[in-house]
Amino acid sequence: MCEANIYLKKGDSEEIFLESVAEITPEAENRLFLVDIFGRQQTVSARIVAINLLKHKVIIEKTT
């Protein structure tokens, strides 16, 4: 499988935001459109901080 879990960075820690994400599409003004393997969709005001493909992990940070 090629999905990844999305983690929200909060200070020095990270918490799971969305699991089994299959698609990440950047949109205007620091927004990310996320789709999981079940077709659930979510848009969040955030930027990507790091991606670890070996661990299937994407870290995001909320923007204002």
C-alpha atoms as a PDB file:
ATOM      1  CA  MET A   1       0.000   0.000   0.000  1.00  0.00           C
ATOM      2  CA  CYS A   2       1.131   3.531  -0.685  1.00  0.00           C
ATOM      3  CA  GLU A   3      -0.955   5.470   1.804  1.00  0.00           C
ATOM      4  CA  ALA A   4       0.480   7.626   4.577  1.00  0.00           C
ATOM      5  CA  ASN A   5      -0.629   8.880   7.959  1.00  0.00           C
ATOM      6  CA  ILE A   6      -0.834  12.629   8.455  1.00  0.00           C
ATOM      7  CA  TYR A   7       0.512  14.022  11.732  1.00  0.00           C
ATOM      8  CA  LEU A   8      -0.157  17.514  13.046  1.00  0.00           C
ATOM      9  CA  LYS A   9       2.896  19.207  14.560  1.00  0.00           C
ATOM     10  CA  LYS A  10       2.132  20.962  17.845  1.00  0.00           C
ATOM     11  CA  GLY A  11       5.221  22.525  19.357  1.00  0.00           C
ATOM     12  CA  ASP A  12       7.728  19.709  19.847  1.00  0.00           C
ATOM     13  CA  SER A  13       5.147  16.937  19.578  1.00  0.00           C
ATOM     14  CA  GLU A  14       3.078  15.363  16.809  1.00  0.00           C
ATOM     15  CA  GLU A  15      -0.418  13.891  16.926  1.00  0.00           C
ATOM     16  CA  ILE A  16      -2.235  11.821  14.346  1.00  0.00           C
ATOM     17  CA  PHE A  17      -4.476  13.987  12.171  1.00  0.00           C
ATOM     18  CA  LEU A  18      -5.712  11.612   9.461  1.00  0.00           C
ATOM     19  CA  GLU A  19      -4.865   7.975   8.739  1.00  0.00           C
ATOM     20  CA  SER A  20      -4.464   6.093   5.462  1.00  0.00           C
ATOM     21  CA  VAL A  21      -4.255   9.141   3.210  1.00  0.00           C
ATOM     22  CA  ALA A  22      -3.899   8.268  -0.459  1.00  0.00           C
ATOM     23  CA  GLU A  23      -3.909  11.765  -1.968  1.00  0.00           C
ATOM     24  CA  ILE A  24      -2.542  15.161  -0.926  1.00  0.00           C
ATOM     25  CA  THR A  25      -3.203  18.129  -3.199  1.00  0.00           C
ATOM     26  CA  PRO A  26      -1.834  21.574  -2.359  1.00  0.00           C
ATOM     27  CA  GLU A  27      -4.321  24.375  -2.909  1.00  0.00           C
ATOM     28  CA  ALA A  28      -4.008  28.162  -2.815  1.00  0.00           C
ATOM     29  CA  GLU A  29      -2.920  29.976   0.333  1.00  0.00           C
ATOM     30  CA  ASN A  30      -1.353  27.102   2.309  1.00  0.00           C
ATOM     31  CA  ARG A  31      -4.319  24.742   2.092  1.00  0.00           C
ATOM     32  CA  LEU A  32      -4.076  20.987   1.645  1.00  0.00           C
ATOM     33  CA  PHE A  33      -6.814  18.791   0.210  1.00  0.00           C
ATOM     34  CA  LEU A  34      -6.576  15.266   1.680  1.00  0.00           C
ATOM     35  CA  VAL A  35      -8.331  12.076   0.573  1.00  0.00           C
ATOM     36  CA  ASP A  36      -8.055   8.805   2.492  1.00  0.00           C
ATOM     37  CA  ILE A  37      -8.352   5.283   1.072  1.00  0.00           C
ATOM     38  CA  PHE A  38     -12.074   5.231   1.909  1.00  0.00           C
ATOM     39  CA  GLY A  39     -12.753   8.360  -0.165  1.00  0.00           C
ATOM     40  CA  ARG A  40     -13.253  10.679   2.808  1.00  0.00           C
ATOM     41  CA  GLN A  41     -12.098  14.190   1.950  1.00  0.00           C
ATOM     42  CA  GLN A  42     -10.798  16.981   4.124  1.00  0.00           C
ATOM     43  CA  THR A  43      -9.330  20.411   3.463  1.00  0.00           C
ATOM     44  CA  VAL A  44      -7.033  21.920   6.061  1.00  0.00           C
ATOM     45  CA  SER A  45      -5.140  25.213   6.323  1.00  0.00           C
ATOM     46  CA  ALA A  46      -1.663  23.819   6.762  1.00  0.00           C
ATOM     47  CA  ARG A  47       1.732  23.389   5.188  1.00  0.00           C
ATOM     48  CA  ILE A  48       3.836  20.260   4.851  1.00  0.00           C
ATOM     49  CA  VAL A  49       6.776  20.238   7.260  1.00  0.00           C
ATOM     50  CA  ALA A  50       8.276  16.816   6.450  1.00  0.00           C
ATOM     51  CA  ILE A  51       7.604  13.648   4.511  1.00  0.00           C
ATOM     52  CA  ASN A  52       9.096  10.261   5.437  1.00  0.00           C
ATOM     53  CA  LEU A  53       8.193   7.802   2.687  1.00  0.00           C
ATOM     54  CA  LEU A  54       9.777   4.816   4.444  1.00  0.00           C
ATOM     55  CA  LYS A  55       7.567   5.357   7.496  1.00  0.00           C
ATOM     56  CA  HIS A  56       4.516   6.443   5.425  1.00  0.00           C
ATOM     57  CA  LYS A  57       4.421   9.625   7.482  1.00  0.00           C
ATOM     58  CA  VAL A  58       3.612  13.224   6.522  1.00  0.00           C
ATOM     59  CA  ILE A  59       3.958  15.978   9.114  1.00  0.00           C
ATOM     60  CA  ILE A  60       1.894  19.142   8.680  1.00  0.00           C
ATOM     61  CA  GLU A  61       1.698  22.411  10.588  1.00  0.00           C
ATOM     62  CA  LYS A  62      -1.453  24.522  10.723  1.00  0.00           C
ATOM     63  CA  THR A  63      -1.327  27.978   9.180  1.00  0.00           C
ATOM     64  CA  THR A  64      -3.537  30.955   9.921  1.00  0.00           C
END
